Amino acid sequence: MLHVPSMLTYGFLSFILAFFNKALFELANFRYSLFVIFSQLIFILLSFKILAYFQFITLPMITKTDLHTLFIPSIFYCLSTVLSLQALMKLNVAIYVVIKVCFKKLRKTKNILIGFHSVVHQR
């Protein structure tokens, strides 16, 4: 079940946080990426709670099964985020965004080619 306002809110907040991270790393010379991830998680959760309180978005109740299902992807997401923050420390925001977009397109192209390859070999 997709909830478009929640997705748009999360996307907007993530976009803003990329610029905040770059400012934090360059201007304050702050290098503790795990602390940054934890702080941003708290910020996102509080933002969602505030938006839900004022009824701009609705938040579904999370169950124990949901927590078990999301545990492994969450670990890999945190790892990806830490590596992204390390890359952001070294690059400017524009180059960082271009690399992320190109990588997604490269991955999609690879998946299409793998799919085409498997279809050809099935015949």
PDB file of N, CA and C in Angstrom:
ATOM      1  N   MET A   1       0.849  -1.179   0.000  1.00  0.00           N
ATOM      2  CA  MET A   1       0.000   0.000   0.000  1.00  0.00           C
ATOM      3  C   MET A   1       0.895   1.243   0.000  1.00  0.00           C
ATOM      4  N   LEU A   2       0.771   2.054  -1.022  1.00  0.00           N
ATOM      5  CA  LEU A   2       1.562   3.275  -1.135  1.00  0.00           C
ATOM      6  C   LEU A   2       0.791   4.444  -0.550  1.00  0.00           C
ATOM      7  N   HIS A   3       1.486   5.290   0.157  1.00  0.00           N
ATOM      8  CA  HIS A   3       0.887   6.497   0.710  1.00  0.00           C
ATOM      9  C   HIS A   3       1.700   7.669   0.178  1.00  0.00           C
ATOM     10  N   VAL A   4       1.193   8.288  -0.870  1.00  0.00           N
ATOM     11  CA  VAL A   4       1.934   9.304  -1.624  1.00  0.00           C
ATOM     12  C   VAL A   4       2.364  10.494  -0.760  1.00  0.00           C
ATOM     13  N   PRO A   5       1.488  11.075   0.095  1.00  0.00           N
ATOM     14  CA  PRO A   5       1.972  12.207   0.908  1.00  0.00           C
ATOM     15  C   PRO A   5       3.150  11.845   1.802  1.00  0.00           C
ATOM     16  N   SER A   6       3.142  10.641   2.370  1.00  0.00           N
ATOM     17  CA  SER A   6       4.268  10.221   3.209  1.00  0.00           C
ATOM     18  C   SER A   6       5.527  10.062   2.379  1.00  0.00           C
ATOM     19  N   MET A   7       5.376   9.495   1.171  1.00  0.00           N
ATOM     20  CA  MET A   7       6.538   9.319   0.301  1.00  0.00           C
ATOM     21  C   MET A   7       7.115  10.664  -0.114  1.00  0.00           C
ATOM     22  N   LEU A   8       6.248  11.605  -0.476  1.00  0.00           N
ATOM     23  CA  LEU A   8       6.719  12.935  -0.883  1.00  0.00           C
ATOM     24  C   LEU A   8       7.386  13.667   0.275  1.00  0.00           C
ATOM     25  N   THR A   9       6.805  13.539   1.464  1.00  0.00           N
ATOM     26  CA  THR A   9       7.389  14.183   2.649  1.00  0.00           C
ATOM     27  C   THR A   9       8.770  13.612   2.932  1.00  0.00           C
ATOM     28  N   TYR A  10       8.886  12.291   2.892  1.00  0.00           N
ATOM     29  CA  TYR A  10      10.180  11.665   3.153  1.00  0.00           C
ATOM     30  C   TYR A  10      11.207  12.072   2.091  1.00  0.00           C
ATOM     31  N   GLY A  11      10.790  12.093   0.827  1.00  0.00           N
ATOM     32  CA  GLY A  11      11.692  12.509  -0.242  1.00  0.00           C
ATOM     33  C   GLY A  11      12.172  13.940  -0.068  1.00  0.00           C
ATOM     34  N   PHE A  12      11.249  14.837   0.289  1.00  0.00           N
ATOM     35  CA  PHE A  12      11.611  16.238   0.505  1.00  0.00           C
ATOM     36  C   PHE A  12      12.584  16.382   1.674  1.00  0.00           C
ATOM     37  N   LEU A  13      12.287  15.698   2.780  1.00  0.00           N
ATOM     38  CA  LEU A  13      13.164  15.782   3.949  1.00  0.00           C
ATOM     39  C   LEU A  13      14.542  15.194   3.639  1.00  0.00           C
ATOM     40  N   SER A  14      14.597  14.114   2.872  1.00  0.00           N
ATOM     41  CA  SER A  14      15.879  13.514   2.509  1.00  0.00           C
ATOM     42  C   SER A  14      16.695  14.468   1.636  1.00  0.00           C
ATOM     43  N   PHE A  15      16.022  15.153   0.721  1.00  0.00           N
ATOM     44  CA  PHE A  15      16.690  16.116  -0.148  1.00  0.00           C
ATOM     45  C   PHE A  15      17.299  17.247   0.675  1.00  0.00           C
ATOM     46  N   ILE A  16      16.527  17.777   1.621  1.00  0.00           N
ATOM     47  CA  ILE A  16      17.019  18.860   2.485  1.00  0.00           C
ATOM     48  C   ILE A  16      18.192  18.383   3.334  1.00  0.00           C
ATOM     49  N   LEU A  17      18.106  17.142   3.829  1.00  0.00           N
ATOM     50  CA  LEU A  17      19.160  16.627   4.693  1.00  0.00           C
ATOM     51  C   LEU A  17      20.483  16.433   3.951  1.00  0.00           C
ATOM     52  N   ALA A  18      20.445  16.192   2.640  1.00  0.00           N
ATOM     53  CA  ALA A  18      21.699  16.059   1.880  1.00  0.00           C
ATOM     54  C   ALA A  18      22.487  17.363   1.925  1.00  0.00           C
ATOM     55  N   PHE A  19      21.800  18.490   1.769  1.00  0.00           N
ATOM     56  CA  PHE A  19      22.478  19.786   1.842  1.00  0.00           C
ATOM     57  C   PHE A  19      22.928  20.102   3.272  1.00  0.00           C
ATOM     58  N   PHE A  20      22.110  19.722   4.238  1.00  0.00           N
ATOM     59  CA  PHE A  20      22.488  19.914   5.640  1.00  0.00           C
ATOM     60  C   PHE A  20      23.750  19.107   5.954  1.00  0.00           C
ATOM     61  N   ASN A  21      23.793  17.860   5.485  1.00  0.00           N
ATOM     62  CA  ASN A  21      24.969  17.011   5.728  1.00  0.00           C
ATOM     63  C   ASN A  21      26.227  17.627   5.146  1.00  0.00           C
ATOM     64  N   LYS A  22      26.120  18.117   3.919  1.00  0.00           N
ATOM     65  CA  LYS A  22      27.299  18.707   3.278  1.00  0.00           C
ATOM     66  C   LYS A  22      27.779  19.922   4.064  1.00  0.00           C
ATOM     67  N   ALA A  23      26.857  20.749   4.505  1.00  0.00           N
ATOM     68  CA  ALA A  23      27.233  21.915   5.310  1.00  0.00           C
ATOM     69  C   ALA A  23      27.870  21.481   6.622  1.00  0.00           C
ATOM     70  N   LEU A  24      27.302  20.463   7.230  1.00  0.00           N
ATOM     71  CA  LEU A  24      27.836  19.965   8.497  1.00  0.00           C
ATOM     72  C   LEU A  24      29.246  19.433   8.316  1.00  0.00           C
ATOM     73  N   PHE A  25      29.478  18.679   7.258  1.00  0.00           N
ATOM     74  CA  PHE A  25      30.797  18.088   7.041  1.00  0.00           C
ATOM     75  C   PHE A  25      31.839  19.126   6.636  1.00  0.00           C
ATOM     76  N   GLU A  26      31.437  20.109   5.845  1.00  0.00           N
ATOM     77  CA  GLU A  26      32.423  21.080   5.363  1.00  0.00           C
ATOM     78  C   GLU A  26      32.622  22.243   6.316  1.00  0.00           C
ATOM     79  N   LEU A  27      31.546  22.843   6.784  1.00  0.00           N
ATOM     80  CA  LEU A  27      31.675  24.043   7.608  1.00  0.00           C
ATOM     81  C   LEU A  27      32.089  23.726   9.040  1.00  0.00           C
ATOM     82  N   ALA A  28      31.512  22.666   9.606  1.00  0.00           N
ATOM     83  CA  ALA A  28      31.810  22.342  10.999  1.00  0.00           C
ATOM     84  C   ALA A  28      32.903  21.286  11.135  1.00  0.00           C
ATOM     85  N   ASN A  29      33.345  20.749   9.998  1.00  0.00           N
ATOM     86  CA  ASN A  29      34.363  19.694   9.998  1.00  0.00           C
ATOM     87  C   ASN A  29      33.963  18.537  10.908  1.00  0.00           C
ATOM     88  N   PHE A  30      32.695  18.159  10.829  1.00  0.00           N
ATOM     89  CA  PHE A  30      32.132  17.082  11.645  1.00  0.00           C
ATOM     90  C   PHE A  30      32.273  15.776  10.889  1.00  0.00           C
ATOM     91  N   ARG A  31      32.805  14.728  11.497  1.00  0.00           N
ATOM     92  CA  ARG A  31      33.119  13.488  10.789  1.00  0.00           C
ATOM     93  C   ARG A  31      32.472  12.237  11.395  1.00  0.00           C
ATOM     94  N   TYR A  32      31.441  12.370  12.198  1.00  0.00           N
ATOM     95  CA  TYR A  32      30.822  11.220  12.860  1.00  0.00           C
ATOM     96  C   TYR A  32      29.530  10.847  12.145  1.00  0.00           C
ATOM     97  N   SER A  33      29.647  10.017  11.099  1.00  0.00           N
ATOM     98  CA  SER A  33      28.499   9.722  10.248  1.00  0.00           C
ATOM     99  C   SER A  33      27.426   8.907  10.966  1.00  0.00           C
ATOM    100  N   LEU A  34      27.783   8.029  11.897  1.00  0.00           N
ATOM    101  CA  LEU A  34      26.755   7.271  12.629  1.00  0.00           C
ATOM    102  C   LEU A  34      25.897   8.198  13.488  1.00  0.00           C
ATOM    103  N   PHE A  35      26.504   9.193  14.092  1.00  0.00           N
ATOM    104  CA  PHE A  35      25.743  10.172  14.858  1.00  0.00           C
ATOM    105  C   PHE A  35      24.803  10.952  13.946  1.00  0.00           C
ATOM    106  N   VAL A  36      25.278  11.277  12.750  1.00  0.00           N
ATOM    107  CA  VAL A  36      24.450  12.001  11.783  1.00  0.00           C
ATOM    108  C   VAL A  36      23.243  11.153  11.387  1.00  0.00           C
ATOM    109  N   ILE A  37      23.469   9.868  11.118  1.00  0.00           N
ATOM    110  CA  ILE A  37      22.364   8.979  10.738  1.00  0.00           C
ATOM    111  C   ILE A  37      21.335   8.902  11.861  1.00  0.00           C
ATOM    112  N   PHE A  38      21.799   8.712  13.091  1.00  0.00           N
ATOM    113  CA  PHE A  38      20.888   8.619  14.225  1.00  0.00           C
ATOM    114  C   PHE A  38      20.104   9.919  14.403  1.00  0.00           C
ATOM    115  N   SER A  39      20.774  11.052  14.297  1.00  0.00           N
ATOM    116  CA  SER A  39      20.110  12.349  14.437  1.00  0.00           C
ATOM    117  C   SER A  39      19.059  12.559  13.352  1.00  0.00           C
ATOM    118  N   GLN A  40      19.390  12.161  12.128  1.00  0.00           N
ATOM    119  CA  GLN A  40      18.437  12.324  11.037  1.00  0.00           C
ATOM    120  C   GLN A  40      17.243  11.384  11.182  1.00  0.00           C
ATOM    121  N   LEU A  41      17.486  10.191  11.692  1.00  0.00           N
ATOM    122  CA  LEU A  41      16.382   9.267  11.947  1.00  0.00           C
ATOM    123  C   LEU A  41      15.422   9.865  12.966  1.00  0.00           C
ATOM    124  N   ILE A  42      15.949  10.424  14.026  1.00  0.00           N
ATOM    125  CA  ILE A  42      15.110  11.072  15.040  1.00  0.00           C
ATOM    126  C   ILE A  42      14.356  12.244  14.423  1.00  0.00           C
ATOM    127  N   PHE A  43      15.045  13.041  13.589  1.00  0.00           N
ATOM    128  CA  PHE A  43      14.406  14.183  12.925  1.00  0.00           C
ATOM    129  C   PHE A  43      13.245  13.733  12.034  1.00  0.00           C
ATOM    130  N   ILE A  44      13.474  12.689  11.227  1.00  0.00           N
ATOM    131  CA  ILE A  44      12.426  12.177  10.332  1.00  0.00           C
ATOM    132  C   ILE A  44      11.251  11.643  11.142  1.00  0.00           C
ATOM    133  N   LEU A  45      11.532  10.867  12.188  1.00  0.00           N
ATOM    134  CA  LEU A  45      10.451  10.306  13.003  1.00  0.00           C
ATOM    135  C   LEU A  45       9.636  11.401  13.690  1.00  0.00           C
ATOM    136  N   LEU A  46      10.319  12.392  14.241  1.00  0.00           N
ATOM    137  CA  LEU A  46       9.598  13.501  14.881  1.00  0.00           C
ATOM    138  C   LEU A  46       8.797  14.310  13.861  1.00  0.00           C
ATOM    139  N   SER A  47       9.371  14.516  12.675  1.00  0.00           N
ATOM    140  CA  SER A  47       8.639  15.239  11.620  1.00  0.00           C
ATOM    141  C   SER A  47       7.379  14.482  11.233  1.00  0.00           C
ATOM    142  N   PHE A  48       7.484  13.166  11.072  1.00  0.00           N
ATOM    143  CA  PHE A  48       6.307  12.368  10.727  1.00  0.00           C
ATOM    144  C   PHE A  48       5.262  12.411  11.849  1.00  0.00           C
ATOM    145  N   LYS A  49       5.703  12.345  13.098  1.00  0.00           N
ATOM    146  CA  LYS A  49       4.759  12.397  14.222  1.00  0.00           C
ATOM    147  C   LYS A  49       4.048  13.752  14.273  1.00  0.00           C
ATOM    148  N   ILE A  50       4.793  14.818  14.041  1.00  0.00           N
ATOM    149  CA  ILE A  50       4.188  16.157  14.049  1.00  0.00           C
ATOM    150  C   ILE A  50       3.189  16.296  12.904  1.00  0.00           C
ATOM    151  N   LEU A  51       3.573  15.840  11.709  1.00  0.00           N
ATOM    152  CA  LEU A  51       2.658  15.902  10.564  1.00  0.00           C
ATOM    153  C   LEU A  51       1.422  15.029  10.788  1.00  0.00           C
ATOM    154  N   ALA A  52       1.583  13.897  11.439  1.00  0.00           N
ATOM    155  CA  ALA A  52       0.435  13.030  11.745  1.00  0.00           C
ATOM    156  C   ALA A  52      -0.453  13.681  12.811  1.00  0.00           C
ATOM    157  N   TYR A  53       0.160  14.341  13.774  1.00  0.00           N
ATOM    158  CA  TYR A  53      -0.608  15.013  14.824  1.00  0.00           C
ATOM    159  C   TYR A  53      -1.515  16.086  14.229  1.00  0.00           C
ATOM    160  N   PHE A  54      -1.012  16.834  13.266  1.00  0.00           N
ATOM    161  CA  PHE A  54      -1.811  17.872  12.612  1.00  0.00           C
ATOM    162  C   PHE A  54      -2.620  17.330  11.428  1.00  0.00           C
ATOM    163  N   GLN A  55      -2.624  16.005  11.275  1.00  0.00           N
ATOM    164  CA  GLN A  55      -3.422  15.275  10.289  1.00  0.00           C
ATOM    165  C   GLN A  55      -3.079  15.640   8.840  1.00  0.00           C
ATOM    166  N   PHE A  56      -1.800  15.951   8.593  1.00  0.00           N
ATOM    167  CA  PHE A  56      -1.342  16.134   7.224  1.00  0.00           C
ATOM    168  C   PHE A  56      -1.063  14.781   6.569  1.00  0.00           C
ATOM    169  N   ILE A  57      -0.618  13.806   7.373  1.00  0.00           N
ATOM    170  CA  ILE A  57      -0.378  12.446   6.899  1.00  0.00           C
ATOM    171  C   ILE A  57      -0.953  11.472   7.926  1.00  0.00           C
ATOM    172  N   THR A  58      -1.124  10.220   7.511  1.00  0.00           N
ATOM    173  CA  THR A  58      -1.543   9.172   8.444  1.00  0.00           C
ATOM    174  C   THR A  58      -0.407   8.165   8.559  1.00  0.00           C
ATOM    175  N   LEU A  59      -0.183   7.710   9.770  1.00  0.00           N
ATOM    176  CA  LEU A  59       0.859   6.725  10.017  1.00  0.00           C
ATOM    177  C   LEU A  59       0.213   5.407  10.421  1.00  0.00           C
ATOM    178  N   PRO A  60       0.520   4.325   9.714  1.00  0.00           N
ATOM    179  CA  PRO A  60      -0.040   3.030  10.105  1.00  0.00           C
ATOM    180  C   PRO A  60       0.659   2.499  11.359  1.00  0.00           C
ATOM    181  N   MET A  61      -0.046   1.651  12.080  1.00  0.00           N
ATOM    182  CA  MET A  61       0.555   1.005  13.252  1.00  0.00           C
ATOM    183  C   MET A  61       1.526  -0.065  12.763  1.00  0.00           C
ATOM    184  N   ILE A  62       2.689  -0.168  13.402  1.00  0.00           N
ATOM    185  CA  ILE A  62       3.684  -1.159  13.004  1.00  0.00           C
ATOM    186  C   ILE A  62       3.561  -2.371  13.928  1.00  0.00           C
ATOM    187  N   THR A  63       3.651  -3.555  13.351  1.00  0.00           N
ATOM    188  CA  THR A  63       3.513  -4.786  14.120  1.00  0.00           C
ATOM    189  C   THR A  63       4.874  -5.456  14.299  1.00  0.00           C
ATOM    190  N   LYS A  64       4.883  -6.487  15.132  1.00  0.00           N
ATOM    191  CA  LYS A  64       6.121  -7.226  15.357  1.00  0.00           C
ATOM    192  C   LYS A  64       6.584  -7.911  14.064  1.00  0.00           C
ATOM    193  N   THR A  65       5.646  -8.396  13.274  1.00  0.00           N
ATOM    194  CA  THR A  65       5.979  -9.016  11.991  1.00  0.00           C
ATOM    195  C   THR A  65       6.626  -8.000  11.058  1.00  0.00           C
ATOM    196  N   ASP A  66       6.102  -6.778  11.056  1.00  0.00           N
ATOM    197  CA  ASP A  66       6.701  -5.714  10.232  1.00  0.00           C
ATOM    198  C   ASP A  66       8.139  -5.445  10.658  1.00  0.00           C
ATOM    199  N   LEU A  67       8.383  -5.407  11.965  1.00  0.00           N
ATOM    200  CA  LEU A  67       9.736  -5.172  12.470  1.00  0.00           C
ATOM    201  C   LEU A  67      10.691  -6.272  12.029  1.00  0.00           C
ATOM    202  N   HIS A  68      10.240  -7.529  12.101  1.00  0.00           N
ATOM    203  CA  HIS A  68      11.092  -8.648  11.680  1.00  0.00           C
ATOM    204  C   HIS A  68      11.365  -8.582  10.178  1.00  0.00           C
ATOM    205  N   THR A  69      10.357  -8.207   9.406  1.00  0.00           N
ATOM    206  CA  THR A  69      10.503  -8.116   7.950  1.00  0.00           C
ATOM    207  C   THR A  69      11.462  -7.001   7.557  1.00  0.00           C
ATOM    208  N   LEU A  70      11.450  -5.907   8.287  1.00  0.00           N
ATOM    209  CA  LEU A  70      12.246  -4.730   7.928  1.00  0.00           C
ATOM    210  C   LEU A  70      13.644  -4.713   8.530  1.00  0.00           C
ATOM    211  N   PHE A  71      13.970  -5.666   9.395  1.00  0.00           N
ATOM    212  CA  PHE A  71      15.245  -5.629  10.101  1.00  0.00           C
ATOM    213  C   PHE A  71      16.453  -5.709   9.156  1.00  0.00           C
ATOM    214  N   ILE A  72      16.513  -6.737   8.311  1.00  0.00           N
ATOM    215  CA  ILE A  72      17.663  -6.917   7.412  1.00  0.00           C
ATOM    216  C   ILE A  72      17.768  -5.768   6.407  1.00  0.00           C
ATOM    217  N   PRO A  73      16.660  -5.367   5.729  1.00  0.00           N
ATOM    218  CA  PRO A  73      16.797  -4.207   4.826  1.00  0.00           C
ATOM    219  C   PRO A  73      17.259  -2.946   5.553  1.00  0.00           C
ATOM    220  N   SER A  74      16.871  -2.788   6.819  1.00  0.00           N
ATOM    221  CA  SER A  74      17.296  -1.617   7.588  1.00  0.00           C
ATOM    222  C   SER A  74      18.794  -1.625   7.831  1.00  0.00           C
ATOM    223  N   ILE A  75      19.339  -2.785   8.095  1.00  0.00           N
ATOM    224  CA  ILE A  75      20.788  -2.897   8.307  1.00  0.00           C
ATOM    225  C   ILE A  75      21.536  -2.480   7.028  1.00  0.00           C
ATOM    226  N   PHE A  76      21.072  -2.999   5.889  1.00  0.00           N
ATOM    227  CA  PHE A  76      21.733  -2.647   4.625  1.00  0.00           C
ATOM    228  C   PHE A  76      21.505  -1.175   4.273  1.00  0.00           C
ATOM    229  N   TYR A  77      20.347  -0.627   4.628  1.00  0.00           N
ATOM    230  CA  TYR A  77      20.100   0.796   4.386  1.00  0.00           C
ATOM    231  C   TYR A  77      21.072   1.648   5.210  1.00  0.00           C
ATOM    232  N   CYS A  78      21.276   1.277   6.463  1.00  0.00           N
ATOM    233  CA  CYS A  78      22.218   2.024   7.310  1.00  0.00           C
ATOM    234  C   CYS A  78      23.634   1.950   6.744  1.00  0.00           C
ATOM    235  N   LEU A  79      24.032   0.780   6.275  1.00  0.00           N
ATOM    236  CA  LEU A  79      25.352   0.636   5.671  1.00  0.00           C
ATOM    237  C   LEU A  79      25.472   1.508   4.426  1.00  0.00           C
ATOM    238  N   SER A  80      24.441   1.484   3.607  1.00  0.00           N
ATOM    239  CA  SER A  80      24.432   2.317   2.405  1.00  0.00           C
ATOM    240  C   SER A  80      24.500   3.795   2.763  1.00  0.00           C
ATOM    241  N   THR A  81      23.793   4.186   3.795  1.00  0.00           N
ATOM    242  CA  THR A  81      23.776   5.583   4.220  1.00  0.00           C
ATOM    243  C   THR A  81      25.146   6.018   4.738  1.00  0.00           C
ATOM    244  N   VAL A  82      25.779   5.160   5.516  1.00  0.00           N
ATOM    245  CA  VAL A  82      27.113   5.494   6.027  1.00  0.00           C
ATOM    246  C   VAL A  82      28.087   5.671   4.868  1.00  0.00           C
ATOM    247  N   LEU A  83      28.035   4.764   3.901  1.00  0.00           N
ATOM    248  CA  LEU A  83      28.931   4.884   2.742  1.00  0.00           C
ATOM    249  C   LEU A  83      28.606   6.122   1.915  1.00  0.00           C
ATOM    250  N   SER A  84      27.317   6.445   1.791  1.00  0.00           N
ATOM    251  CA  SER A  84      26.925   7.653   1.060  1.00  0.00           C
ATOM    252  C   SER A  84      27.430   8.906   1.764  1.00  0.00           C
ATOM    253  N   LEU A  85      27.342   8.918   3.079  1.00  0.00           N
ATOM    254  CA  LEU A  85      27.835  10.075   3.830  1.00  0.00           C
ATOM    255  C   LEU A  85      29.347  10.213   3.689  1.00  0.00           C
ATOM    256  N   GLN A  86      30.036   9.085   3.653  1.00  0.00           N
ATOM    257  CA  GLN A  86      31.487   9.145   3.454  1.00  0.00           C
ATOM    258  C   GLN A  86      31.805   9.721   2.076  1.00  0.00           C
ATOM    259  N   ALA A  87      31.010   9.331   1.058  1.00  0.00           N
ATOM    260  CA  ALA A  87      31.212   9.884  -0.282  1.00  0.00           C
ATOM    261  C   ALA A  87      30.876  11.366  -0.317  1.00  0.00           C
ATOM    262  N   LEU A  88      29.819  11.746   0.395  1.00  0.00           N
ATOM    263  CA  LEU A  88      29.404  13.146   0.418  1.00  0.00           C
ATOM    264  C   LEU A  88      30.465  14.033   1.052  1.00  0.00           C
ATOM    265  N   MET A  89      31.225  13.482   2.001  1.00  0.00           N
ATOM    266  CA  MET A  89      32.292  14.259   2.630  1.00  0.00           C
ATOM    267  C   MET A  89      33.358  14.658   1.614  1.00  0.00           C
ATOM    268  N   LYS A  90      33.546  13.821   0.596  1.00  0.00           N
ATOM    269  CA  LYS A  90      34.618  14.054  -0.364  1.00  0.00           C
ATOM    270  C   LYS A  90      34.165  14.792  -1.619  1.00  0.00           C
ATOM    271  N   LEU A  91      32.864  14.783  -1.933  1.00  0.00           N
ATOM    272  CA  LEU A  91      32.354  15.357  -3.182  1.00  0.00           C
ATOM    273  C   LEU A  91      31.435  16.538  -2.895  1.00  0.00           C
ATOM    274  N   ASN A  92      31.203  17.361  -3.918  1.00  0.00           N
ATOM    275  CA  ASN A  92      30.186  18.390  -3.740  1.00  0.00           C
ATOM    276  C   ASN A  92      28.814  17.774  -4.017  1.00  0.00           C
ATOM    277  N   VAL A  93      27.750  18.442  -3.598  1.00  0.00           N
ATOM    278  CA  VAL A  93      26.402  17.879  -3.651  1.00  0.00           C
ATOM    279  C   VAL A  93      25.981  17.573  -5.083  1.00  0.00           C
ATOM    280  N   ALA A  94      26.294  18.449  -6.022  1.00  0.00           N
ATOM    281  CA  ALA A  94      25.870  18.233  -7.409  1.00  0.00           C
ATOM    282  C   ALA A  94      26.498  16.969  -7.985  1.00  0.00           C
ATOM    283  N   ILE A  95      27.781  16.773  -7.785  1.00  0.00           N
ATOM    284  CA  ILE A  95      28.459  15.579  -8.290  1.00  0.00           C
ATOM    285  C   ILE A  95      27.924  14.339  -7.582  1.00  0.00           C
ATOM    286  N   TYR A  96      27.680  14.443  -6.296  1.00  0.00           N
ATOM    287  CA  TYR A  96      27.135  13.328  -5.512  1.00  0.00           C
ATOM    288  C   TYR A  96      25.783  12.879  -6.076  1.00  0.00           C
ATOM    289  N   VAL A  97      24.903  13.835  -6.379  1.00  0.00           N
ATOM    290  CA  VAL A  97      23.583  13.516  -6.926  1.00  0.00           C
ATOM    291  C   VAL A  97      23.715  12.892  -8.313  1.00  0.00           C
ATOM    292  N   VAL A  98      24.604  13.419  -9.138  1.00  0.00           N
ATOM    293  CA  VAL A  98      24.820  12.868 -10.484  1.00  0.00           C
ATOM    294  C   VAL A  98      25.302  11.421 -10.391  1.00  0.00           C
ATOM    295  N   ILE A  99      26.229  11.152  -9.505  1.00  0.00           N
ATOM    296  CA  ILE A  99      26.743   9.785  -9.348  1.00  0.00           C
ATOM    297  C   ILE A  99      25.632   8.846  -8.882  1.00  0.00           C
ATOM    298  N   LYS A 100      24.810   9.294  -7.937  1.00  0.00           N
ATOM    299  CA  LYS A 100      23.705   8.447  -7.475  1.00  0.00           C
ATOM    300  C   LYS A 100      22.732   8.138  -8.606  1.00  0.00           C
ATOM    301  N   VAL A 101      22.390   9.142  -9.404  1.00  0.00           N
ATOM    302  CA  VAL A 101      21.448   8.941 -10.516  1.00  0.00           C
ATOM    303  C   VAL A 101      22.060   8.014 -11.555  1.00  0.00           C
ATOM    304  N   CYS A 102      23.324   8.235 -11.903  1.00  0.00           N
ATOM    305  CA  CYS A 102      23.982   7.382 -12.897  1.00  0.00           C
ATOM    306  C   CYS A 102      24.076   5.943 -12.412  1.00  0.00           C
ATOM    307  N   PHE A 103      24.356   5.746 -11.134  1.00  0.00           N
ATOM    308  CA  PHE A 103      24.453   4.394 -10.598  1.00  0.00           C
ATOM    309  C   PHE A 103      23.108   3.684 -10.681  1.00  0.00           C
ATOM    310  N   LYS A 104      22.018   4.392 -10.373  1.00  0.00           N
ATOM    311  CA  LYS A 104      20.691   3.784 -10.470  1.00  0.00           C
ATOM    312  C   LYS A 104      20.382   3.398 -11.906  1.00  0.00           C
ATOM    313  N   LYS A 105      20.725   4.255 -12.856  1.00  0.00           N
ATOM    314  CA  LYS A 105      20.477   3.947 -14.269  1.00  0.00           C
ATOM    315  C   LYS A 105      21.357   2.786 -14.735  1.00  0.00           C
ATOM    316  N   LEU A 106      22.589   2.734 -14.279  1.00  0.00           N
ATOM    317  CA  LEU A 106      23.475   1.632 -14.614  1.00  0.00           C
ATOM    318  C   LEU A 106      22.935   0.319 -14.071  1.00  0.00           C
ATOM    319  N   ARG A 107      22.450   0.340 -12.832  1.00  0.00           N
ATOM    320  CA  ARG A 107      21.876  -0.861 -12.222  1.00  0.00           C
ATOM    321  C   ARG A 107      20.636  -1.317 -12.989  1.00  0.00           C
ATOM    322  N   LYS A 108      19.793  -0.362 -13.406  1.00  0.00           N
ATOM    323  CA  LYS A 108      18.590  -0.705 -14.167  1.00  0.00           C
ATOM    324  C   LYS A 108      18.974  -1.301 -15.518  1.00  0.00           C
ATOM    325  N   THR A 109      19.967  -0.714 -16.184  1.00  0.00           N
ATOM    326  CA  THR A 109      20.442  -1.244 -17.459  1.00  0.00           C
ATOM    327  C   THR A 109      20.983  -2.651 -17.286  1.00  0.00           C
ATOM    328  N   LYS A 110      21.747  -2.879 -16.224  1.00  0.00           N
ATOM    329  CA  LYS A 110      22.288  -4.217 -15.944  1.00  0.00           C
ATOM    330  C   LYS A 110      21.151  -5.216 -15.764  1.00  0.00           C
ATOM    331  N   ASN A 111      20.108  -4.837 -15.020  1.00  0.00           N
ATOM    332  CA  ASN A 111      18.973  -5.733 -14.807  1.00  0.00           C
ATOM    333  C   ASN A 111      18.253  -6.041 -16.110  1.00  0.00           C
ATOM    334  N   ILE A 112      18.125  -5.043 -16.981  1.00  0.00           N
ATOM    335  CA  ILE A 112      17.484  -5.268 -18.284  1.00  0.00           C
ATOM    336  C   ILE A 112      18.326  -6.219 -19.123  1.00  0.00           C
ATOM    337  N   LEU A 113      19.643  -6.010 -19.132  1.00  0.00           N
ATOM    338  CA  LEU A 113      20.525  -6.881 -19.910  1.00  0.00           C
ATOM    339  C   LEU A 113      20.525  -8.303 -19.377  1.00  0.00           C
ATOM    340  N   ILE A 114      20.511  -8.456 -18.075  1.00  0.00           N
ATOM    341  CA  ILE A 114      20.456  -9.796 -17.485  1.00  0.00           C
ATOM    342  C   ILE A 114      19.143 -10.470 -17.858  1.00  0.00           C
ATOM    343  N   GLY A 115      18.051  -9.709 -17.802  1.00  0.00           N
ATOM    344  CA  GLY A 115      16.750 -10.254 -18.196  1.00  0.00           C
ATOM    345  C   GLY A 115      16.735 -10.649 -19.660  1.00  0.00           C
ATOM    346  N   PHE A 116      17.312  -9.823 -20.538  1.00  0.00           N
ATOM    347  CA  PHE A 116      17.387 -10.118 -21.969  1.00  0.00           C
ATOM    348  C   PHE A 116      18.250 -11.348 -22.203  1.00  0.00           C
ATOM    349  N   HIS A 117      19.371 -11.433 -21.471  1.00  0.00           N
ATOM    350  CA  HIS A 117      20.278 -12.562 -21.602  1.00  0.00           C
ATOM    351  C   HIS A 117      19.578 -13.866 -21.223  1.00  0.00           C
ATOM    352  N   SER A 118      18.803 -13.847 -20.135  1.00  0.00           N
ATOM    353  CA  SER A 118      18.122 -15.073 -19.713  1.00  0.00           C
ATOM    354  C   SER A 118      17.017 -15.461 -20.685  1.00  0.00           C
ATOM    355  N   VAL A 119      16.341 -14.480 -21.307  1.00  0.00           N
ATOM    356  CA  VAL A 119      15.295 -14.776 -22.290  1.00  0.00           C
ATOM    357  C   VAL A 119      15.912 -15.395 -23.536  1.00  0.00           C
ATOM    358  N   VAL A 120      17.061 -14.885 -23.994  1.00  0.00           N
ATOM    359  CA  VAL A 120      17.734 -15.413 -25.177  1.00  0.00           C
ATOM    360  C   VAL A 120      18.174 -16.848 -24.953  1.00  0.00           C
ATOM    361  N   HIS A 121      18.709 -17.137 -23.759  1.00  0.00           N
ATOM    362  CA  HIS A 121      19.222 -18.473 -23.480  1.00  0.00           C
ATOM    363  C   HIS A 121      18.107 -19.483 -23.179  1.00  0.00           C
ATOM    364  N   GLN A 122      16.905 -19.027 -22.916  1.00  0.00           N
ATOM    365  CA  GLN A 122      15.800 -19.948 -22.689  1.00  0.00           C
ATOM    366  C   GLN A 122      15.298 -20.528 -23.998  1.00  0.00           C
ATOM    367  N   ARG A 123      15.542 -19.875 -25.105  1.00  0.00           N
ATOM    368  CA  ARG A 123      15.025 -20.345 -26.406  1.00  0.00           C
ATOM    369  C   ARG A 123      15.837 -21.421 -26.970  1.00  0.00           C
TER     370      ARG A 123
END
